[in-house]
C-alpha atoms as a PDB file:
ATOM      1  CA  VAL A   1     179.180  -9.781  55.589  1.00  0.00           C
ATOM      2  CA  LYS A   2     176.801  -7.552  53.827  1.00  0.00           C
ATOM      3  CA  MET A   3     173.818  -6.478  55.848  1.00  0.00           C
ATOM      4  CA  PRO A   4     170.679  -6.286  53.879  1.00  0.00           C
ATOM      5  CA  SER A   5     169.322  -2.711  53.598  1.00  0.00           C
ATOM      6  CA  ILE A   6     166.124  -2.207  55.447  1.00  0.00           C
ATOM      7  CA  ALA A   7     163.855   0.400  53.936  1.00  0.00           C
ATOM      8  CA  PRO A   8     161.797   2.361  56.435  1.00  0.00           C
ATOM      9  CA  ARG A   9     158.276   1.281  56.691  1.00  0.00           C
ATOM     10  CA  PHE A  10     155.487   3.804  56.934  1.00  0.00           C
ATOM     11  CA  ASP A  11     152.121   2.908  58.178  1.00  0.00           C
ATOM     12  CA  ALA A  12     149.588   4.418  55.809  1.00  0.00           C
ATOM     13  CA  ASP A  13     146.955   4.558  58.523  1.00  0.00           C
ATOM     14  CA  VAL A  14     149.235   6.568  60.817  1.00  0.00           C
ATOM     15  CA  LEU A  15     150.037   9.023  58.080  1.00  0.00           C
ATOM     16  CA  HIS A  16     146.391   9.374  57.286  1.00  0.00           C
ATOM     17  CA  LYS A  17     145.562  10.020  60.964  1.00  0.00           C
ATOM     18  CA  LYS A  18     148.364  12.596  61.331  1.00  0.00           C
ATOM     19  CA  SER A  19     147.260  14.373  58.200  1.00  0.00           C
ATOM     20  CA  LYS A  20     143.680  14.432  59.412  1.00  0.00           C
ATOM     21  CA  SER A  21     144.730  15.679  62.860  1.00  0.00           C
ATOM     22  CA  SER A  22     146.798  18.476  61.318  1.00  0.00           C
ATOM     23  CA  LYS A  23     143.878  19.448  59.166  1.00  0.00           C
ATOM     24  CA  VAL A  24     141.549  19.588  62.194  1.00  0.00           C
ATOM     25  CA  LYS A  25     144.050  21.717  64.093  1.00  0.00           C
ATOM     26  CA  THR A  26     144.328  24.090  61.165  1.00  0.00           C
ATOM     27  CA  LEU A  27     140.553  24.381  60.907  1.00  0.00           C
ATOM     28  CA  ALA A  28     140.278  24.916  64.649  1.00  0.00           C
ATOM     29  CA  SER A  29     142.956  27.579  64.480  1.00  0.00           C
ATOM     30  CA  ASP A  30     141.146  29.312  61.630  1.00  0.00           C
ATOM     31  CA  SER A  31     137.898  29.138  63.592  1.00  0.00           C
ATOM     32  CA  GLU A  32     139.559  30.688  66.665  1.00  0.00           C
ATOM     33  CA  ASP A  33     141.019  33.479  64.543  1.00  0.00           C
ATOM     34  CA  ASP A  34     137.593  34.152  63.106  1.00  0.00           C
ATOM     35  CA  THR A  35     136.092  34.225  66.611  1.00  0.00           C
ATOM     36  CA  VAL A  36     138.752  36.663  67.868  1.00  0.00           C
ATOM     37  CA  ALA A  37     138.272  38.829  64.816  1.00  0.00           C
ATOM     38  CA  GLU A  38     134.506  38.778  65.295  1.00  0.00           C
ATOM     39  CA  THR A  39     134.868  39.648  69.004  1.00  0.00           C
ATOM     40  CA  THR A  40     137.191  42.504  68.111  1.00  0.00           C
ATOM     41  CA  ARG A  41     134.682  43.791  65.575  1.00  0.00           C
ATOM     42  CA  VAL A  42     131.884  43.586  68.165  1.00  0.00           C
ATOM     43  CA  LYS A  43     134.007  45.492  70.699  1.00  0.00           C
ATOM     44  CA  GLU A  44     134.904  48.091  68.117  1.00  0.00           C
ATOM     45  CA  SER A  45     131.256  48.407  67.158  1.00  0.00           C
ATOM     46  CA  ARG A  46     130.237  48.927  70.792  1.00  0.00           C
ATOM     47  CA  LYS A  47     133.007  51.472  71.302  1.00  0.00           C
ATOM     48  CA  GLU A  48     131.856  53.362  68.221  1.00  0.00           C
ATOM     49  CA  LYS A  49     128.292  53.367  69.546  1.00  0.00           C
ATOM     50  CA  LYS A  50     129.472  54.704  72.933  1.00  0.00           C
ATOM     51  CA  GLU A  51     131.531  57.403  71.255  1.00  0.00           C
ATOM     52  CA  LYS A  52     128.581  58.393  69.083  1.00  0.00           C
ATOM     53  CA  ALA A  53     126.263  58.435  72.129  1.00  0.00           C
ATOM     54  CA  ALA A  54     128.782  60.517  74.086  1.00  0.00           C
ATOM     55  CA  GLY A  55     129.105  62.921  71.183  1.00  0.00           C
ATOM     56  CA  ALA A  56     125.335  63.238  70.892  1.00  0.00           C
ATOM     57  CA  GLY A  57     125.104  63.854  74.664  1.00  0.00           C
ATOM     58  CA  LYS A  58     127.700  66.606  74.453  1.00  0.00           C
ATOM     59  CA  GLU A  59     125.821  68.230  71.597  1.00  0.00           C
ATOM     60  CA  LYS A  60     122.572  68.117  73.595  1.00  0.00           C
ATOM     61  CA  ARG A  61     124.229  69.586  76.684  1.00  0.00           C
ATOM     62  CA  LYS A  62     125.878  72.267  74.616  1.00  0.00           C
ATOM     63  CA  LYS A  63     122.565  73.150  72.998  1.00  0.00           C
ATOM     64  CA  ALA A  64     120.773  73.139  76.357  1.00  0.00           C
ATOM     65  CA  ALA A  65     123.436  75.444  77.820  1.00  0.00           C
ATOM     66  CA  SER A  66     123.093  77.722  74.812  1.00  0.00           C
ATOM     67  CA  ASP A  67     119.298  77.805  75.173  1.00  0.00           C
ATOM     68  CA  SER A  68     119.640  78.484  78.906  1.00  0.00           C
ATOM     69  CA  SER A  69     122.080  81.304  78.231  1.00  0.00           C
ATOM     70  CA  GLU A  70     119.748  82.820  75.650  1.00  0.00           C
ATOM     71  CA  SER A  71     116.813  82.462  78.026  1.00  0.00           C
ATOM     72  CA  SER A  72     118.830  84.050  80.842  1.00  0.00           C
ATOM     73  CA  ASP A  73     119.838  86.914  78.563  1.00  0.00           C
ATOM     74  CA  SER A  74     116.258  87.463  77.491  1.00  0.00           C
ATOM     75  CA  ASP A  75     115.026  87.354  81.110  1.00  0.00           C
ATOM     76  CA  ALA A  76     117.731  89.718  82.369  1.00  0.00           C
ATOM     77  CA  PRO A  77     116.009  92.966  81.290  1.00  0.00           C
ATOM     78  CA  ALA A  78     112.718  91.845  82.881  1.00  0.00           C
ATOM     79  CA  SER A  79     114.490  90.885  86.118  1.00  0.00           C
ATOM     80  CA  LYS A  80     116.362  94.169  86.162  1.00  0.00           C
ATOM     81  CA  LYS A  81     113.145  96.050  85.515  1.00  0.00           C
ATOM     82  CA  LEU A  82     111.400  94.236  88.376  1.00  0.00           C
ATOM     83  CA  LYS A  83     114.200  95.068  90.800  1.00  0.00           C
ATOM     84  CA  THR A  84     114.139  98.685  89.680  1.00  0.00           C
ATOM     85  CA  GLU A  85     110.399  98.872  90.204  1.00  0.00           C
ATOM     86  CA  GLU A  86     110.769  97.404  93.702  1.00  0.00           C
ATOM     87  CA  ALA A  87     113.595  99.772  94.539  1.00  0.00           C
ATOM     88  CA  GLU A  88     111.742 102.798  93.179  1.00  0.00           C
ATOM     89  CA  PRO A  89     108.044 102.613  94.090  1.00  0.00           C
ATOM     90  CA  THR A  90     105.695 104.963  92.340  1.00  0.00           C
ATOM     91  CA  ARG A  91     105.540 108.261  94.196  1.00  0.00           C
ATOM     92  CA  LEU A  92     102.240 110.048  94.593  1.00  0.00           C
ATOM     93  CA  SER A  93     101.512 113.684  95.143  1.00  0.00           C
ATOM     94  CA  VAL A  94     100.909 114.760  98.761  1.00  0.00           C
ATOM     95  CA  GLU A  95      97.142 114.986  98.196  1.00  0.00           C
ATOM     96  CA  GLU A  96      96.979 111.615  96.436  1.00  0.00           C
ATOM     97  CA  PHE A  97      99.044 109.936  99.132  1.00  0.00           C
ATOM     98  CA  ARG A  98      96.947 111.337 101.987  1.00  0.00           C
ATOM     99  CA  ARG A  99      93.762 110.398 100.188  1.00  0.00           C
ATOM    100  CA  LYS A 100      95.012 106.862  99.554  1.00  0.00           C
ATOM    101  CA  LEU A 101      95.989 106.299 103.219  1.00  0.00           C
ATOM    102  CA  GLU A 102      92.985 108.278 104.543  1.00  0.00           C
ATOM    103  CA  ILE A 103      95.185 110.802 106.360  1.00  0.00           C
ATOM    104  CA  LYS A 104      93.480 113.960 107.606  1.00  0.00           C
ATOM    105  CA  VAL A 105      95.524 116.884 108.888  1.00  0.00           C
ATOM    106  CA  ALA A 106      94.676 120.134 110.645  1.00  0.00           C
ATOM    107  CA  GLY A 107      96.939 123.079 111.331  1.00  0.00           C
ATOM    108  CA  ASN A 108      99.295 125.299 109.403  1.00  0.00           C
ATOM    109  CA  ASP A 109     102.479 124.356 107.569  1.00  0.00           C
ATOM    110  CA  CYS A 110     101.990 120.617 107.911  1.00  0.00           C
ATOM    111  CA  PRO A 111     104.926 118.928 106.151  1.00  0.00           C
ATOM    112  CA  ALA A 112     104.481 116.327 103.441  1.00  0.00           C
ATOM    113  CA  PRO A 113     104.194 112.727 104.683  1.00  0.00           C
ATOM    114  CA  PHE A 114     107.054 110.282 104.289  1.00  0.00           C
ATOM    115  CA  GLN A 115     106.119 107.765 101.608  1.00  0.00           C
ATOM    116  CA  THR A 116     109.082 105.435 102.239  1.00  0.00           C
ATOM    117  CA  PHE A 117     111.354 104.552 105.144  1.00  0.00           C
ATOM    118  CA  GLU A 118     114.224 106.135 103.227  1.00  0.00           C
ATOM    119  CA  ASP A 119     112.379 109.471 103.289  1.00  0.00           C
ATOM    120  CA  ALA A 120     112.631 109.437 107.091  1.00  0.00           C
ATOM    121  CA  SER A 121     116.455 109.174 107.010  1.00  0.00           C
ATOM    122  CA  LEU A 122     116.331 106.509 109.700  1.00  0.00           C
ATOM    123  CA  PRO A 123     119.643 105.199 111.088  1.00  0.00           C
ATOM    124  CA  THR A 124     120.988 102.290 109.039  1.00  0.00           C
ATOM    125  CA  GLU A 125     120.669  99.710 111.818  1.00  0.00           C
ATOM    126  CA  LEU A 126     117.087 100.812 112.526  1.00  0.00           C
ATOM    127  CA  LEU A 127     116.206 100.592 108.845  1.00  0.00           C
ATOM    128  CA  GLU A 128     117.620  97.054 108.711  1.00  0.00           C
ATOM    129  CA  ALA A 129     115.600  96.074 111.797  1.00  0.00           C
ATOM    130  CA  VAL A 130     112.452  97.391 110.119  1.00  0.00           C
ATOM    131  CA  ARG A 131     113.171  95.367 106.965  1.00  0.00           C
ATOM    132  CA  GLN A 132     113.794  92.221 109.018  1.00  0.00           C
ATOM    133  CA  GLN A 133     110.354  92.625 110.588  1.00  0.00           C
ATOM    134  CA  GLY A 134     108.859  92.556 107.086  1.00  0.00           C
ATOM    135  CA  PHE A 135     107.662  96.175 106.899  1.00  0.00           C
ATOM    136  CA  LYS A 136     107.859  97.665 103.403  1.00  0.00           C
ATOM    137  CA  ALA A 137     106.508 101.184 103.937  1.00  0.00           C
ATOM    138  CA  PRO A 138     105.404 103.431 106.829  1.00  0.00           C
ATOM    139  CA  SER A 139     101.801 103.184 108.002  1.00  0.00           C
ATOM    140  CA  ALA A 140      99.498 106.187 107.707  1.00  0.00           C
ATOM    141  CA  ILE A 141     100.155 107.550 111.198  1.00  0.00           C
ATOM    142  CA  GLN A 142     103.892 106.953 110.872  1.00  0.00           C
ATOM    143  CA  SER A 143     104.192 108.633 107.482  1.00  0.00           C
ATOM    144  CA  GLN A 144     102.551 111.845 108.730  1.00  0.00           C
ATOM    145  CA  CYS A 145     103.748 111.932 112.359  1.00  0.00           C
ATOM    146  CA  TRP A 146     107.418 111.335 111.670  1.00  0.00           C
ATOM    147  CA  PRO A 147     108.117 114.532 109.703  1.00  0.00           C
ATOM    148  CA  LEU A 148     106.270 116.557 112.355  1.00  0.00           C
ATOM    149  CA  ALA A 149     107.965 114.977 115.373  1.00  0.00           C
ATOM    150  CA  MET A 150     111.389 115.004 113.731  1.00  0.00           C
ATOM    151  CA  ALA A 151     110.960 118.711 113.072  1.00  0.00           C
ATOM    152  CA  GLY A 152     110.340 119.280 116.799  1.00  0.00           C
ATOM    153  CA  LYS A 153     106.651 120.146 116.446  1.00  0.00           C
ATOM    154  CA  ASP A 154     103.905 119.219 118.915  1.00  0.00           C
ATOM    155  CA  VAL A 155     101.597 116.546 117.528  1.00  0.00           C
ATOM    156  CA  ILE A 156      98.173 115.221 118.481  1.00  0.00           C
ATOM    157  CA  ALA A 157      97.568 112.023 116.534  1.00  0.00           C
ATOM    158  CA  ILE A 158      94.539 109.741 116.508  1.00  0.00           C
ATOM    159  CA  ALA A 159      94.746 106.198 115.165  1.00  0.00           C
ATOM    160  CA  LYS A 160      93.162 102.854 115.883  1.00  0.00           C
ATOM    161  CA  THR A 161      94.902  99.980 117.653  1.00  0.00           C
ATOM    162  CA  GLY A 162      97.304  98.045 115.420  1.00  0.00           C
ATOM    163  CA  SER A 163      97.980 100.995 113.122  1.00  0.00           C
ATOM    164  CA  GLY A 164     101.653 101.310 114.076  1.00  0.00           C
ATOM    165  CA  LYS A 165     101.262 104.298 116.392  1.00  0.00           C
ATOM    166  CA  THR A 166     103.866 102.968 118.868  1.00  0.00           C
ATOM    167  CA  CYS A 167     106.619 103.128 116.242  1.00  0.00           C
ATOM    168  CA  GLY A 168     105.007 106.384 115.165  1.00  0.00           C
ATOM    169  CA  PHE A 169     106.321 108.055 118.320  1.00  0.00           C
ATOM    170  CA  LEU A 170     109.322 105.797 119.085  1.00  0.00           C
ATOM    171  CA  PHE A 171     111.294 106.192 115.847  1.00  0.00           C
ATOM    172  CA  PRO A 172     111.570 110.008 116.045  1.00  0.00           C
ATOM    173  CA  ALA A 173     112.773 109.520 119.635  1.00  0.00           C
ATOM    174  CA  PHE A 174     115.474 107.101 118.452  1.00  0.00           C
ATOM    175  CA  GLN A 175     116.625 109.526 115.790  1.00  0.00           C
ATOM    176  CA  LEU A 176     116.744 112.395 118.299  1.00  0.00           C
ATOM    177  CA  ILE A 177     118.747 110.294 120.772  1.00  0.00           C
ATOM    178  CA  LYS A 178     121.327 109.242 118.179  1.00  0.00           C
ATOM    179  CA  ARG A 179     121.673 112.827 116.987  1.00  0.00           C
ATOM    180  CA  THR A 180     121.991 114.613 120.344  1.00  0.00           C
ATOM    181  CA  VAL A 181     123.498 112.357 123.042  1.00  0.00           C
ATOM    182  CA  SER A 182     126.080 109.632 123.505  1.00  0.00           C
ATOM    183  CA  LEU A 183     124.909 106.050 123.226  1.00  0.00           C
ATOM    184  CA  GLN A 184     127.200 105.148 126.131  1.00  0.00           C
ATOM    185  CA  CYS A 185     124.983 105.656 129.174  1.00  0.00           C
ATOM    186  CA  ARG A 186     126.649 106.563 132.457  1.00  0.00           C
ATOM    187  CA  ARG A 187     125.193 106.003 135.892  1.00  0.00           C
ATOM    188  CA  GLY A 188     122.717 108.750 136.700  1.00  0.00           C
ATOM    189  CA  ASP A 189     121.968 109.665 133.054  1.00  0.00           C
ATOM    190  CA  GLY A 190     118.254 110.410 132.905  1.00  0.00           C
ATOM    191  CA  PRO A 191     115.907 109.751 129.988  1.00  0.00           C
ATOM    192  CA  VAL A 192     116.004 111.730 126.759  1.00  0.00           C
ATOM    193  CA  ALA A 193     112.531 110.424 125.866  1.00  0.00           C
ATOM    194  CA  LEU A 194     109.716 109.795 128.359  1.00  0.00           C
ATOM    195  CA  VAL A 195     106.594 107.832 127.394  1.00  0.00           C
ATOM    196  CA  LEU A 196     103.584 107.767 129.726  1.00  0.00           C
ATOM    197  CA  ALA A 197     100.955 105.036 129.410  1.00  0.00           C
ATOM    198  CA  PRO A 198      97.726 104.606 131.433  1.00  0.00           C
ATOM    199  CA  THR A 199      98.207 100.921 132.345  1.00  0.00           C
ATOM    200  CA  ARG A 200     101.109  98.633 133.106  1.00  0.00           C
ATOM    201  CA  GLU A 201      99.997  96.254 130.327  1.00  0.00           C
ATOM    202  CA  LEU A 202     100.341  99.021 127.764  1.00  0.00           C
ATOM    203  CA  ALA A 203     103.619 100.207 129.312  1.00  0.00           C
ATOM    204  CA  ILE A 204     105.082  96.688 129.045  1.00  0.00           C
ATOM    205  CA  GLN A 205     103.867  96.394 125.452  1.00  0.00           C
ATOM    206  CA  ILE A 206     105.558  99.684 124.525  1.00  0.00           C
ATOM    207  CA  GLU A 207     108.780  98.585 126.235  1.00  0.00           C
ATOM    208  CA  GLN A 208     108.827  95.333 124.246  1.00  0.00           C
ATOM    209  CA  GLU A 209     108.362  97.222 120.986  1.00  0.00           C
ATOM    210  CA  CYS A 210     111.049  99.689 122.007  1.00  0.00           C
ATOM    211  CA  VAL A 211     113.587  96.984 122.877  1.00  0.00           C
ATOM    212  CA  LYS A 212     112.846  95.090 119.650  1.00  0.00           C
ATOM    213  CA  PHE A 213     113.927  98.013 117.488  1.00  0.00           C
ATOM    214  CA  ALA A 214     116.356  99.800 119.821  1.00  0.00           C
ATOM    215  CA  LYS A 215     118.693  96.912 120.683  1.00  0.00           C
ATOM    216  CA  THR A 216     120.595  97.156 117.394  1.00  0.00           C
ATOM    217  CA  SER A 217     121.073 100.904 117.991  1.00  0.00           C
ATOM    218  CA  LYS A 218     122.432 100.437 121.550  1.00  0.00           C
ATOM    219  CA  ILE A 219     119.609 102.580 122.889  1.00  0.00           C
ATOM    220  CA  VAL A 220     118.814 101.704 126.514  1.00  0.00           C
ATOM    221  CA  ALA A 221     115.213 101.599 127.736  1.00  0.00           C
ATOM    222  CA  ALA A 222     113.524 100.842 131.062  1.00  0.00           C
ATOM    223  CA  CYS A 223     109.944 100.476 132.248  1.00  0.00           C
ATOM    224  CA  ALA A 224     108.340 101.589 135.538  1.00  0.00           C
ATOM    225  CA  TYR A 225     104.823 100.646 136.617  1.00  0.00           C
ATOM    226  CA  GLY A 226     102.850  99.794 139.744  1.00  0.00           C
ATOM    227  CA  GLY A 227     102.171  96.365 141.162  1.00  0.00           C
ATOM    228  CA  MET A 228     105.862  95.369 141.133  1.00  0.00           C
ATOM    229  CA  PRO A 229     108.730  96.007 143.595  1.00  0.00           C
ATOM    230  CA  LYS A 230     110.345  99.429 143.176  1.00  0.00           C
ATOM    231  CA  GLY A 231     113.914  98.269 143.825  1.00  0.00           C
ATOM    232  CA  PRO A 232     114.697  96.606 140.459  1.00  0.00           C
ATOM    233  CA  GLN A 233     113.008  99.451 138.567  1.00  0.00           C
ATOM    234  CA  ILE A 234     114.994 102.095 140.485  1.00  0.00           C
ATOM    235  CA  ARG A 235     118.292 100.300 139.789  1.00  0.00           C
ATOM    236  CA  ALA A 236     117.471 100.018 136.078  1.00  0.00           C
ATOM    237  CA  ILE A 237     116.670 103.741 135.846  1.00  0.00           C
ATOM    238  CA  MET A 238     119.609 104.986 137.919  1.00  0.00           C
ATOM    239  CA  GLY A 239     122.021 102.831 135.919  1.00  0.00           C
ATOM    240  CA  GLY A 240     121.518 105.242 133.006  1.00  0.00           C
ATOM    241  CA  LEU A 241     119.069 105.100 130.114  1.00  0.00           C
ATOM    242  CA  HIS A 242     117.767 106.848 127.010  1.00  0.00           C
ATOM    243  CA  VAL A 243     114.062 105.972 127.061  1.00  0.00           C
ATOM    244  CA  LEU A 244     111.764 105.568 130.060  1.00  0.00           C
ATOM    245  CA  ILE A 245     108.275 104.103 129.695  1.00  0.00           C
ATOM    246  CA  ALA A 246     106.133 104.553 132.805  1.00  0.00           C
ATOM    247  CA  THR A 247     102.655 104.796 134.255  1.00  0.00           C
ATOM    248  CA  PRO A 248     101.830 108.211 135.812  1.00  0.00           C
ATOM    249  CA  GLY A 249     101.436 106.912 139.371  1.00  0.00           C
ATOM    250  CA  ARG A 250     104.773 105.041 139.554  1.00  0.00           C
ATOM    251  CA  LEU A 251     106.606 107.864 137.788  1.00  0.00           C
ATOM    252  CA  ASN A 252     105.333 110.387 140.349  1.00  0.00           C
ATOM    253  CA  ASP A 253     106.491 108.106 143.170  1.00  0.00           C
ATOM    254  CA  PHE A 254     109.992 108.124 141.697  1.00  0.00           C
ATOM    255  CA  LEU A 255     109.990 111.857 140.986  1.00  0.00           C
ATOM    256  CA  LYS A 256     109.408 112.512 144.687  1.00  0.00           C
ATOM    257  CA  MET A 257     112.663 110.706 145.521  1.00  0.00           C
ATOM    258  CA  LYS A 258     115.156 113.577 145.379  1.00  0.00           C
ATOM    259  CA  ASN A 259     118.257 112.455 147.291  1.00  0.00           C
ATOM    260  CA  PRO A 260     119.570 111.312 144.930  1.00  0.00           C
ATOM    261  CA  PRO A 261     116.982 111.836 142.197  1.00  0.00           C
ATOM    262  CA  VAL A 262     115.772 108.547 140.770  1.00  0.00           C
ATOM    263  CA  VAL A 263     114.557 110.094 137.519  1.00  0.00           C
ATOM    264  CA  PRO A 264     116.634 113.166 136.626  1.00  0.00           C
ATOM    265  CA  LEU A 265     114.930 115.115 133.858  1.00  0.00           C
ATOM    266  CA  ASN A 266     117.826 117.360 132.860  1.00  0.00           C
ATOM    267  CA  ARG A 267     118.242 115.512 129.535  1.00  0.00           C
ATOM    268  CA  LEU A 268     114.536 115.220 128.691  1.00  0.00           C
ATOM    269  CA  LYS A 269     113.751 116.456 125.169  1.00  0.00           C
ATOM    270  CA  TYR A 270     110.867 114.262 124.038  1.00  0.00           C
ATOM    271  CA  LEU A 271     107.602 113.598 125.893  1.00  0.00           C
ATOM    272  CA  VAL A 272     104.802 111.252 124.821  1.00  0.00           C
ATOM    273  CA  PHE A 273     101.357 110.701 126.340  1.00  0.00           C
ATOM    274  CA  ASP A 274     100.089 107.441 124.856  1.00  0.00           C
ATOM    275  CA  GLU A 275      96.286 107.122 125.035  1.00  0.00           C
ATOM    276  CA  ALA A 276      96.109 110.533 126.716  1.00  0.00           C
ATOM    277  CA  ASP A 277      92.302 110.557 126.604  1.00  0.00           C
ATOM    278  CA  ARG A 278      92.203 107.301 128.532  1.00  0.00           C
ATOM    279  CA  MET A 279      94.581 108.674 131.173  1.00  0.00           C
ATOM    280  CA  LEU A 280      92.280 111.644 131.680  1.00  0.00           C
ATOM    281  CA  ASP A 281      89.231 109.368 131.864  1.00  0.00           C
ATOM    282  CA  MET A 282      90.980 107.341 134.572  1.00  0.00           C
ATOM    283  CA  GLY A 283      91.559 110.479 136.654  1.00  0.00           C
ATOM    284  CA  PHE A 284      95.296 110.736 136.027  1.00  0.00           C
ATOM    285  CA  GLU A 285      95.248 114.432 135.071  1.00  0.00           C
ATOM    286  CA  PRO A 286      96.964 115.615 138.315  1.00  0.00           C
ATOM    287  CA  GLN A 287      99.696 112.980 137.931  1.00  0.00           C
ATOM    288  CA  VAL A 288     100.116 113.773 134.239  1.00  0.00           C
ATOM    289  CA  ARG A 289     100.516 117.478 134.969  1.00  0.00           C
ATOM    290  CA  ARG A 290     103.042 116.778 137.745  1.00  0.00           C
ATOM    291  CA  SER A 291     104.962 114.478 135.409  1.00  0.00           C
ATOM    292  CA  GLU A 292     105.053 117.204 132.785  1.00  0.00           C
ATOM    293  CA  ARG A 293     106.429 119.671 135.359  1.00  0.00           C
ATOM    294  CA  GLY A 294     109.020 117.222 136.633  1.00  0.00           C
ATOM    295  CA  GLY A 295     107.157 116.267 139.791  1.00  0.00           C
ATOM    296  CA  GLU A 296     106.758 119.817 141.089  1.00  0.00           C
ATOM    297  CA  GLU A 297     103.531 120.736 142.843  1.00  0.00           C
ATOM    298  CA  ARG A 298     101.987 123.961 141.445  1.00  0.00           C
END
């Protein structure tokens, strides 16, 4: 039996739909490719902009650094000059310096005043303490008294309050102490420098100034004045010291104590009468004279 051949049937509508669908997919695919390509171009464009901006920033920074370097180089000589001028102040002649600071001297062979702290050859730690306090140069009384006192000469100096007279007589004492005795005080070591003041207020003020500058040098100071118990003052003195600040009355009380001596004067090399005229006006001349003689009645 012969089977009739059946030719495949194709639906024209289906073919048309498939063809249309394929075409849409192709168009969609092309559109997606274009979108990806466009996105890539946008990204590349942004990257290029960032790279250009970064390059421009580097150029600016490089130029700024170059300008700064040039500016620094150009300022260097001026800065160096300023430091040199600060380190080396203009020096005046002796007459010009005394005239500028209104210093008047009397007597023979008066040495030239110290125009800087370095001229005084102060100990390093004392010089640093002076700088920390903000002082740049000696005051008038200091500049002229220091060379005299450091040379071992007797000095009568007159200056108003606040002129630096306390350091005017303390600093030569510090230098003498460091040069002549040990800084390690032993029990019973008497003062190398003795400062007499008319009132306890002034004595306390001098002690405070002394401690402020002497502590870095390991110089030991004590103060003795009336109106306070003697016990603590005696213990401070007998423990050993370099500088004693005292009022005439209290000092004479201690000088009378001989067994053992409260204030041995065997090391005394430097004696100061602060506001001597006031002490005389207050009737302290007998006590001052006894203090000068070590408490002996004559």
